[in-house]
Amino acid sequence: SLKDGPLFSVIMPVYNPDPVLLAEAI
C-alpha cells in the first residue's frame, strides 16, 4: 500500500570506519 510513498534520503557521513561495519550499514 505504501509502494508510492515518500522518498527517504538516508544521509550517511563516512570517515574511516571498519570496512566490514560500513558494508553492513549499507
PDB file of all heavy atoms in Angstrom:
ATOM      1  N   SER A   1       0.812  -1.220   0.000  1.00  0.00           N
ATOM      2  CA  SER A   1       0.000   0.000   0.000  1.00  0.00           C
ATOM      3  C   SER A   1       0.842   1.265   0.000  1.00  0.00           C
ATOM      4  O   SER A   1       0.375   2.330  -0.433  1.00  0.00           O
ATOM      5  CB  SER A   1      -0.949   0.008   1.202  1.00  0.00           C
ATOM      6  OG  SER A   1      -0.230   0.040   2.413  1.00  0.00           O
ATOM      7  N   LEU A   2       2.097   1.171   0.477  1.00  0.00           N
ATOM      8  CA  LEU A   2       2.957   2.352   0.569  1.00  0.00           C
ATOM      9  C   LEU A   2       4.047   2.370  -0.502  1.00  0.00           C
ATOM     10  O   LEU A   2       5.024   3.107  -0.384  1.00  0.00           O
ATOM     11  CB  LEU A   2       3.606   2.421   1.957  1.00  0.00           C
ATOM     12  CG  LEU A   2       2.652   2.627   3.131  1.00  0.00           C
ATOM     13  CD1 LEU A   2       3.393   2.485   4.453  1.00  0.00           C
ATOM     14  CD2 LEU A   2       1.959   3.978   3.051  1.00  0.00           C
ATOM     15  N   LYS A   3       3.858   1.591  -1.552  1.00  0.00           N
ATOM     16  CA  LYS A   3       4.909   1.496  -2.569  1.00  0.00           C
ATOM     17  C   LYS A   3       5.145   2.820  -3.289  1.00  0.00           C
ATOM     18  O   LYS A   3       6.218   3.043  -3.862  1.00  0.00           O
ATOM     19  CB  LYS A   3       4.574   0.401  -3.576  1.00  0.00           C
ATOM     20  CG  LYS A   3       3.279   0.615  -4.342  1.00  0.00           C
ATOM     21  CD  LYS A   3       2.994  -0.570  -5.256  1.00  0.00           C
ATOM     22  CE  LYS A   3       1.679  -0.382  -6.010  1.00  0.00           C
ATOM     23  NZ  LYS A   3       1.396  -1.550  -6.889  1.00  0.00           N
ATOM     24  N   ASP A   4       4.151   3.714  -3.263  1.00  0.00           N
ATOM     25  CA  ASP A   4       4.302   5.035  -3.863  1.00  0.00           C
ATOM     26  C   ASP A   4       4.433   6.120  -2.793  1.00  0.00           C
ATOM     27  O   ASP A   4       4.121   7.289  -3.039  1.00  0.00           O
ATOM     28  CB  ASP A   4       3.105   5.346  -4.758  1.00  0.00           C
ATOM     29  CG  ASP A   4       3.024   4.404  -5.953  1.00  0.00           C
ATOM     30  OD1 ASP A   4       4.085   4.062  -6.501  1.00  0.00           O
ATOM     31  OD2 ASP A   4       1.905   3.996  -6.311  1.00  0.00           O
ATOM     32  N   GLY A   5       4.922   5.718  -1.633  1.00  0.00           N
ATOM     33  CA  GLY A   5       5.079   6.656  -0.523  1.00  0.00           C
ATOM     34  C   GLY A   5       6.237   7.607  -0.735  1.00  0.00           C
ATOM     35  O   GLY A   5       6.896   7.603  -1.784  1.00  0.00           O
ATOM     36  N   PRO A   6       6.531   8.431   0.264  1.00  0.00           N
ATOM     37  CA  PRO A   6       7.564   9.460   0.120  1.00  0.00           C
ATOM     38  C   PRO A   6       8.958   8.870  -0.061  1.00  0.00           C
ATOM     39  O   PRO A   6       9.254   7.772   0.404  1.00  0.00           O
ATOM     40  CB  PRO A   6       7.465  10.239   1.429  1.00  0.00           C
ATOM     41  CG  PRO A   6       6.909   9.252   2.411  1.00  0.00           C
ATOM     42  CD  PRO A   6       5.947   8.420   1.625  1.00  0.00           C
ATOM     43  N   LEU A   7       9.802   9.630  -0.743  1.00  0.00           N
ATOM     44  CA  LEU A   7      11.194   9.236  -0.917  1.00  0.00           C
ATOM     45  C   LEU A   7      11.989   9.653   0.311  1.00  0.00           C
ATOM     46  O   LEU A   7      11.968  10.817   0.721  1.00  0.00           O
ATOM     47  CB  LEU A   7      11.774   9.906  -2.163  1.00  0.00           C
ATOM     48  CG  LEU A   7      13.278   9.679  -2.413  1.00  0.00           C
ATOM     49  CD1 LEU A   7      13.556   8.207  -2.704  1.00  0.00           C
ATOM     50  CD2 LEU A   7      13.773  10.568  -3.550  1.00  0.00           C
ATOM     51  N   PHE A   8      12.690   8.691   0.913  1.00  0.00           N
ATOM     52  CA  PHE A   8      13.580   8.976   2.035  1.00  0.00           C
ATOM     53  C   PHE A   8      15.011   9.100   1.521  1.00  0.00           C
ATOM     54  O   PHE A   8      15.502   8.215   0.811  1.00  0.00           O
ATOM     55  CB  PHE A   8      13.527   7.856   3.085  1.00  0.00           C
ATOM     56  CG  PHE A   8      12.246   7.803   3.857  1.00  0.00           C
ATOM     57  CD1 PHE A   8      11.245   6.915   3.504  1.00  0.00           C
ATOM     58  CD2 PHE A   8      12.042   8.635   4.943  1.00  0.00           C
ATOM     59  CE1 PHE A   8      10.064   6.849   4.212  1.00  0.00           C
ATOM     60  CE2 PHE A   8      10.855   8.584   5.660  1.00  0.00           C
ATOM     61  CZ  PHE A   8       9.863   7.687   5.295  1.00  0.00           C
ATOM     62  N   SER A   9      15.672  10.175   1.891  1.00  0.00           N
ATOM     63  CA  SER A   9      17.090  10.339   1.592  1.00  0.00           C
ATOM     64  C   SER A   9      17.868   9.997   2.864  1.00  0.00           C
ATOM     65  O   SER A   9      17.844  10.749   3.844  1.00  0.00           O
ATOM     66  CB  SER A   9      17.395  11.774   1.160  1.00  0.00           C
ATOM     67  OG  SER A   9      16.726  12.090  -0.043  1.00  0.00           O
ATOM     68  N   VAL A  10      18.520   8.844   2.863  1.00  0.00           N
ATOM     69  CA  VAL A  10      19.303   8.412   4.019  1.00  0.00           C
ATOM     70  C   VAL A  10      20.677   9.079   3.914  1.00  0.00           C
ATOM     71  O   VAL A  10      21.412   8.866   2.955  1.00  0.00           O
ATOM     72  CB  VAL A  10      19.441   6.880   4.059  1.00  0.00           C
ATOM     73  CG1 VAL A  10      20.240   6.453   5.295  1.00  0.00           C
ATOM     74  CG2 VAL A  10      18.054   6.228   4.066  1.00  0.00           C
ATOM     75  N   ILE A  11      21.008   9.897   4.900  1.00  0.00           N
ATOM     76  CA  ILE A  11      22.223  10.709   4.893  1.00  0.00           C
ATOM     77  C   ILE A  11      23.294  10.019   5.726  1.00  0.00           C
ATOM     78  O   ILE A  11      23.102   9.777   6.917  1.00  0.00           O
ATOM     79  CB  ILE A  11      21.947  12.113   5.454  1.00  0.00           C
ATOM     80  CG1 ILE A  11      20.789  12.771   4.705  1.00  0.00           C
ATOM     81  CG2 ILE A  11      23.201  12.972   5.404  1.00  0.00           C
ATOM     82  CD1 ILE A  11      20.985  12.921   3.229  1.00  0.00           C
ATOM     83  N   MET A  12      24.432   9.695   5.100  1.00  0.00           N
ATOM     84  CA  MET A  12      25.491   8.979   5.804  1.00  0.00           C
ATOM     85  C   MET A  12      26.848   9.665   5.610  1.00  0.00           C
ATOM     86  O   MET A  12      27.455   9.561   4.545  1.00  0.00           O
ATOM     87  CB  MET A  12      25.584   7.523   5.328  1.00  0.00           C
ATOM     88  CG  MET A  12      26.682   6.724   6.036  1.00  0.00           C
ATOM     89  SD  MET A  12      26.965   5.081   5.312  1.00  0.00           S
ATOM     90  CE  MET A  12      25.525   4.210   5.902  1.00  0.00           C
ATOM     91  N   PRO A  13      27.346  10.367   6.640  1.00  0.00           N
ATOM     92  CA  PRO A  13      28.719  10.855   6.595  1.00  0.00           C
ATOM     93  C   PRO A  13      29.668   9.704   6.944  1.00  0.00           C
ATOM     94  O   PRO A  13      29.394   8.935   7.871  1.00  0.00           O
ATOM     95  CB  PRO A  13      28.743  11.945   7.667  1.00  0.00           C
ATOM     96  CG  PRO A  13      27.679  11.534   8.636  1.00  0.00           C
ATOM     97  CD  PRO A  13      26.632  10.787   7.857  1.00  0.00           C
ATOM     98  N   VAL A  14      30.753   9.575   6.210  1.00  0.00           N
ATOM     99  CA  VAL A  14      31.652   8.435   6.402  1.00  0.00           C
ATOM    100  C   VAL A  14      33.072   8.932   6.636  1.00  0.00           C
ATOM    101  O   VAL A  14      33.614   9.708   5.837  1.00  0.00           O
ATOM    102  CB  VAL A  14      31.634   7.503   5.168  1.00  0.00           C
ATOM    103  CG1 VAL A  14      32.718   6.430   5.284  1.00  0.00           C
ATOM    104  CG2 VAL A  14      30.268   6.854   5.019  1.00  0.00           C
ATOM    105  N   TYR A  15      33.666   8.474   7.750  1.00  0.00           N
ATOM    106  CA  TYR A  15      35.087   8.753   7.971  1.00  0.00           C
ATOM    107  C   TYR A  15      35.754   7.552   8.631  1.00  0.00           C
ATOM    108  O   TYR A  15      35.534   7.265   9.804  1.00  0.00           O
ATOM    109  CB  TYR A  15      35.319  10.001   8.820  1.00  0.00           C
ATOM    110  CG  TYR A  15      36.799  10.242   9.038  1.00  0.00           C
ATOM    111  CD1 TYR A  15      37.598  10.698   7.994  1.00  0.00           C
ATOM    112  CD2 TYR A  15      37.396   9.963  10.258  1.00  0.00           C
ATOM    113  CE1 TYR A  15      38.963  10.879   8.157  1.00  0.00           C
ATOM    114  CE2 TYR A  15      38.761  10.146  10.437  1.00  0.00           C
ATOM    115  CZ  TYR A  15      39.527  10.609   9.380  1.00  0.00           C
ATOM    116  OH  TYR A  15      40.884  10.761   9.547  1.00  0.00           O
ATOM    117  N   ASN A  16      36.500   6.841   7.871  1.00  0.00           N
ATOM    118  CA  ASN A  16      37.405   5.789   8.334  1.00  0.00           C
ATOM    119  C   ASN A  16      36.765   4.737   9.249  1.00  0.00           C
ATOM    120  O   ASN A  16      37.364   4.338  10.248  1.00  0.00           O
ATOM    121  CB  ASN A  16      38.607   6.411   9.059  1.00  0.00           C
ATOM    122  CG  ASN A  16      39.862   5.595   8.838  1.00  0.00           C
ATOM    123  OD1 ASN A  16      40.098   5.093   7.736  1.00  0.00           O
ATOM    124  ND2 ASN A  16      40.679   5.450   9.868  1.00  0.00           N
ATOM    125  N   PRO A  17      35.571   4.242   8.929  1.00  0.00           N
ATOM    126  CA  PRO A  17      35.000   3.170   9.737  1.00  0.00           C
ATOM    127  C   PRO A  17      35.653   1.831   9.390  1.00  0.00           C
ATOM    128  O   PRO A  17      36.391   1.720   8.398  1.00  0.00           O
ATOM    129  CB  PRO A  17      33.534   3.171   9.313  1.00  0.00           C
ATOM    130  CG  PRO A  17      33.595   3.584   7.877  1.00  0.00           C
ATOM    131  CD  PRO A  17      34.711   4.590   7.781  1.00  0.00           C
ATOM    132  N   ASP A  18      35.371   0.833  10.186  1.00  0.00           N
ATOM    133  CA  ASP A  18      35.736  -0.533   9.824  1.00  0.00           C
ATOM    134  C   ASP A  18      34.993  -0.861   8.525  1.00  0.00           C
ATOM    135  O   ASP A  18      33.768  -0.766   8.466  1.00  0.00           O
ATOM    136  CB  ASP A  18      35.303  -1.482  10.943  1.00  0.00           C
ATOM    137  CG  ASP A  18      35.672  -2.936  10.687  1.00  0.00           C
ATOM    138  OD1 ASP A  18      35.620  -3.374   9.516  1.00  0.00           O
ATOM    139  OD2 ASP A  18      35.978  -3.654  11.654  1.00  0.00           O
ATOM    140  N   PRO A  19      35.709  -1.240   7.454  1.00  0.00           N
ATOM    141  CA  PRO A  19      35.032  -1.506   6.178  1.00  0.00           C
ATOM    142  C   PRO A  19      33.932  -2.556   6.281  1.00  0.00           C
ATOM    143  O   PRO A  19      32.922  -2.470   5.568  1.00  0.00           O
ATOM    144  CB  PRO A  19      36.177  -1.974   5.272  1.00  0.00           C
ATOM    145  CG  PRO A  19      37.397  -1.335   5.841  1.00  0.00           C
ATOM    146  CD  PRO A  19      37.170  -1.339   7.333  1.00  0.00           C
ATOM    147  N   VAL A  20      34.107  -3.540   7.157  1.00  0.00           N
ATOM    148  CA  VAL A  20      33.084  -4.576   7.329  1.00  0.00           C
ATOM    149  C   VAL A  20      31.809  -3.968   7.911  1.00  0.00           C
ATOM    150  O   VAL A  20      30.697  -4.241   7.444  1.00  0.00           O
ATOM    151  CB  VAL A  20      33.600  -5.712   8.233  1.00  0.00           C
ATOM    152  CG1 VAL A  20      32.475  -6.704   8.535  1.00  0.00           C
ATOM    153  CG2 VAL A  20      34.773  -6.427   7.571  1.00  0.00           C
ATOM    154  N   LEU A  21      31.958  -3.115   8.929  1.00  0.00           N
ATOM    155  CA  LEU A  21      30.793  -2.484   9.539  1.00  0.00           C
ATOM    156  C   LEU A  21      30.127  -1.513   8.567  1.00  0.00           C
ATOM    157  O   LEU A  21      28.898  -1.390   8.538  1.00  0.00           O
ATOM    158  CB  LEU A  21      31.197  -1.759  10.823  1.00  0.00           C
ATOM    159  CG  LEU A  21      31.784  -2.628  11.938  1.00  0.00           C
ATOM    160  CD1 LEU A  21      32.074  -1.778  13.171  1.00  0.00           C
ATOM    161  CD2 LEU A  21      30.857  -3.776  12.295  1.00  0.00           C
ATOM    162  N   LEU A  22      30.927  -0.829   7.773  1.00  0.00           N
ATOM    163  CA  LEU A  22      30.382   0.078   6.770  1.00  0.00           C
ATOM    164  C   LEU A  22      29.530  -0.681   5.752  1.00  0.00           C
ATOM    165  O   LEU A  22      28.418  -0.256   5.405  1.00  0.00           O
ATOM    166  CB  LEU A  22      31.515   0.820   6.067  1.00  0.00           C
ATOM    167  CG  LEU A  22      31.128   1.709   4.883  1.00  0.00           C
ATOM    168  CD1 LEU A  22      30.169   2.808   5.317  1.00  0.00           C
ATOM    169  CD2 LEU A  22      32.373   2.292   4.230  1.00  0.00           C
ATOM    170  N   ALA A  23      30.054  -1.811   5.287  1.00  0.00           N
ATOM    171  CA  ALA A  23      29.303  -2.620   4.319  1.00  0.00           C
ATOM    172  C   ALA A  23      28.000  -3.122   4.924  1.00  0.00           C
ATOM    173  O   ALA A  23      26.954  -3.151   4.250  1.00  0.00           O
ATOM    174  CB  ALA A  23      30.159  -3.789   3.844  1.00  0.00           C
ATOM    175  N   GLU A  24      28.027  -3.487   6.207  1.00  0.00           N
ATOM    176  CA  GLU A  24      26.802  -3.949   6.864  1.00  0.00           C
ATOM    177  C   GLU A  24      25.794  -2.815   7.008  1.00  0.00           C
ATOM    178  O   GLU A  24      24.579  -3.025   6.862  1.00  0.00           O
ATOM    179  CB  GLU A  24      27.141  -4.535   8.236  1.00  0.00           C
ATOM    180  CG  GLU A  24      27.896  -5.863   8.166  1.00  0.00           C
ATOM    181  CD  GLU A  24      28.232  -6.408   9.544  1.00  0.00           C
ATOM    182  OE1 GLU A  24      27.961  -5.702  10.542  1.00  0.00           O
ATOM    183  OE2 GLU A  24      28.767  -7.527   9.622  1.00  0.00           O
ATOM    184  N   ALA A  25      26.274  -1.614   7.292  1.00  0.00           N
ATOM    185  CA  ALA A  25      25.377  -0.463   7.402  1.00  0.00           C
ATOM    186  C   ALA A  25      24.678  -0.205   6.071  1.00  0.00           C
ATOM    187  O   ALA A  25      23.464   0.035   6.022  1.00  0.00           O
ATOM    188  CB  ALA A  25      26.161   0.771   7.848  1.00  0.00           C
ATOM    189  N   ILE A  26      25.435  -0.273   4.989  1.00  0.00           N
ATOM    190  CA  ILE A  26      24.857  -0.066   3.660  1.00  0.00           C
ATOM    191  C   ILE A  26      23.844  -1.154   3.337  1.00  0.00           C
ATOM    192  O   ILE A  26      22.749  -0.886   2.826  1.00  0.00           O
ATOM    193  CB  ILE A  26      25.967  -0.008   2.599  1.00  0.00           C
ATOM    194  CG1 ILE A  26      26.828   1.237   2.811  1.00  0.00           C
ATOM    195  CG2 ILE A  26      25.384  -0.022   1.185  1.00  0.00           C
ATOM    196  CD1 ILE A  26      28.069   1.287   1.949  1.00  0.00           C
TER     197      ILE A  26
END
